[in-house]
Amino acid sequence: MNPSAPVNWYVRGADVVLAALCYVLIARLLLDLTLGALGDNAAFRALRSVTNPVVRAFGAITPRVVPGLLVTGGGIVWIFAARIVLAQVPAALSLWRMMG
């Protein structure tokens, strides 16, 4: 089977969305590390408005003593884990079907 075929478009689409979200979170983490409270321009506010729902969701399950930068970093780790699961589970299911 051709791996670039659009058979599993729902898996690839979710992977692309998670990858984009991960890259935006990495950009937020880097800007938070470099600029901190000084980054208050329109682009940085837009970046924060896009990533705030994700950071708040991870912050809800994280203890309050954890700093905000580590919550963002933890969100990046969890999104990478979700991308790995999203890639491995369909591969394992297709292998299981091939084995009979």
Protein backbone atom coordinates (compact mmCIF):
# COMPACT_ATOMS: atom_id res chain seq x y z
CA MET A 1 0.00 0.00 0.00
CA ASN A 2 1.26 3.46 -0.88
CA PRO A 3 2.00 5.43 2.32
CA SER A 4 1.22 8.73 0.62
CA ALA A 5 -2.22 7.58 -0.54
CA PRO A 6 -5.14 9.48 0.99
CA VAL A 7 -6.58 6.32 2.55
CA ASN A 8 -5.89 7.44 6.10
CA TRP A 9 -6.59 11.15 5.57
CA TYR A 10 -8.19 11.43 9.00
CA VAL A 11 -4.97 10.26 10.65
CA ARG A 12 -2.79 12.54 8.55
CA GLY A 13 -5.11 15.51 9.06
CA ALA A 14 -5.04 15.13 12.83
CA ASP A 15 -1.26 14.73 12.71
CA VAL A 16 -0.89 17.95 10.74
CA VAL A 17 -3.11 19.83 13.20
CA LEU A 18 -1.14 18.48 16.18
CA ALA A 19 2.15 19.33 14.47
CA ALA A 20 1.04 22.90 13.81
CA LEU A 21 -0.15 23.25 17.39
CA CYS A 22 3.15 21.89 18.67
CA TYR A 23 5.17 24.33 16.56
CA VAL A 24 3.05 27.25 17.76
CA LEU A 25 3.58 26.14 21.37
CA ILE A 26 7.33 25.90 20.76
CA ALA A 27 7.28 29.45 19.35
CA ARG A 28 5.39 30.64 22.44
CA LEU A 29 7.85 28.88 24.75
CA LEU A 30 10.85 30.43 22.99
CA LEU A 31 9.30 33.90 23.01
CA ASP A 32 8.39 33.53 26.68
CA LEU A 33 11.97 32.51 27.47
CA THR A 34 13.57 35.32 25.50
CA LEU A 35 11.19 38.24 26.03
CA GLY A 36 9.21 37.31 29.11
CA ALA A 37 6.93 40.16 30.18
CA LEU A 38 8.45 42.51 27.60
CA GLY A 39 6.74 40.74 24.70
CA ASP A 40 3.51 42.69 24.50
CA ASN A 41 3.18 43.47 20.81
CA ALA A 42 0.28 42.45 18.60
CA ALA A 43 1.95 39.32 17.18
CA PHE A 44 2.83 38.01 20.62
CA ARG A 45 -0.68 38.69 21.92
CA ALA A 46 -2.11 36.83 18.91
CA LEU A 47 0.23 33.90 19.57
CA ARG A 48 -0.85 33.82 23.20
CA SER A 49 -4.53 33.98 22.26
CA VAL A 50 -4.10 30.95 19.99
CA THR A 51 -2.18 28.91 22.54
CA ASN A 52 -3.94 29.97 25.75
CA PRO A 53 -6.72 27.32 25.51
CA VAL A 54 -4.12 24.55 25.19
CA VAL A 55 -1.93 25.91 27.98
CA ARG A 56 -4.95 26.34 30.24
CA ALA A 57 -6.07 22.77 29.55
CA PHE A 58 -2.66 21.43 30.53
CA GLY A 59 -2.54 23.84 33.45
CA ALA A 60 -5.81 22.43 34.77
CA ILE A 61 -4.24 18.99 35.25
CA THR A 62 -0.89 20.33 36.46
CA PRO A 63 -0.24 21.29 40.09
CA ARG A 64 -0.32 25.04 40.75
CA VAL A 65 3.29 25.15 41.96
CA VAL A 66 4.56 24.41 38.45
CA PRO A 67 5.65 27.61 36.63
CA GLY A 68 3.88 28.64 33.44
CA LEU A 69 6.86 27.89 31.22
CA LEU A 70 6.94 24.30 32.42
CA VAL A 71 3.21 23.98 31.78
CA THR A 72 3.84 25.05 28.18
CA GLY A 73 6.74 22.60 27.93
CA GLY A 74 4.58 19.84 29.37
CA GLY A 75 1.94 20.61 26.78
CA ILE A 76 4.53 20.21 24.05
CA VAL A 77 5.56 16.83 25.47
CA TRP A 78 1.94 15.62 25.64
CA ILE A 79 1.26 16.73 22.07
CA PHE A 80 4.38 14.89 20.88
CA ALA A 81 3.14 11.81 22.74
CA ALA A 82 -0.27 12.14 21.07
CA ARG A 83 1.43 12.36 17.66
CA ILE A 84 3.42 9.19 18.38
CA VAL A 85 0.27 7.33 19.44
CA LEU A 86 -1.55 8.65 16.38
CA ALA A 87 1.18 7.21 14.16
CA GLN A 88 1.72 3.90 15.94
CA VAL A 89 -1.82 2.73 16.62
CA PRO A 90 -2.96 2.67 12.96
CA ALA A 91 0.32 1.01 11.98
CA ALA A 92 -0.17 -1.68 14.63
CA LEU A 93 -3.77 -2.25 13.59
CA SER A 94 -2.84 -2.61 9.93
CA LEU A 95 -0.06 -5.04 10.86
CA TRP A 96 -2.49 -7.02 13.01
CA ARG A 97 -4.93 -7.23 10.07
CA MET A 98 -2.14 -8.39 7.76
CA MET A 99 -1.11 -11.12 10.19
CA GLY A 100 -4.54 -12.54 9.98
